[in-house]
């Protein structure tokens, strides 16, 4: 694991993350979300020995993003959801997601013309 990825993991948000703190994020929202999924969540969710604490902290952060008042931030989240969670990884991720992020996942699948799994209802 690269030092860059390790530092991202070590600085992953705590359970206190909320939409107000997320709305203060400046810079490249898509890049931040893409890196979170590509370098942290995808490997963690796909691991046989899933680091539950890390996954839960990441989804606490993502719940804040999904609840954000920023349409730009939520729009970038939708693109990343489509990139990473429209396949089998979505089934693995869904139980960790909070209500706003789950709604974003369901909406994203519907926008793609797909139907969400029965257990997502």
Foldseek 3Di string as FASTA:
>chain_A
DDPVLVVCLVPQAALPAALVVLLPDDDDLLVVLLCCVPRPVVCQLPDPPHPVRSLLSNQSNVQSQLVHPDPVSVVSVLVSCVVHQPDPSVVSNLVSHDPSVLVSNQVSCVVVVHHDDPVSD
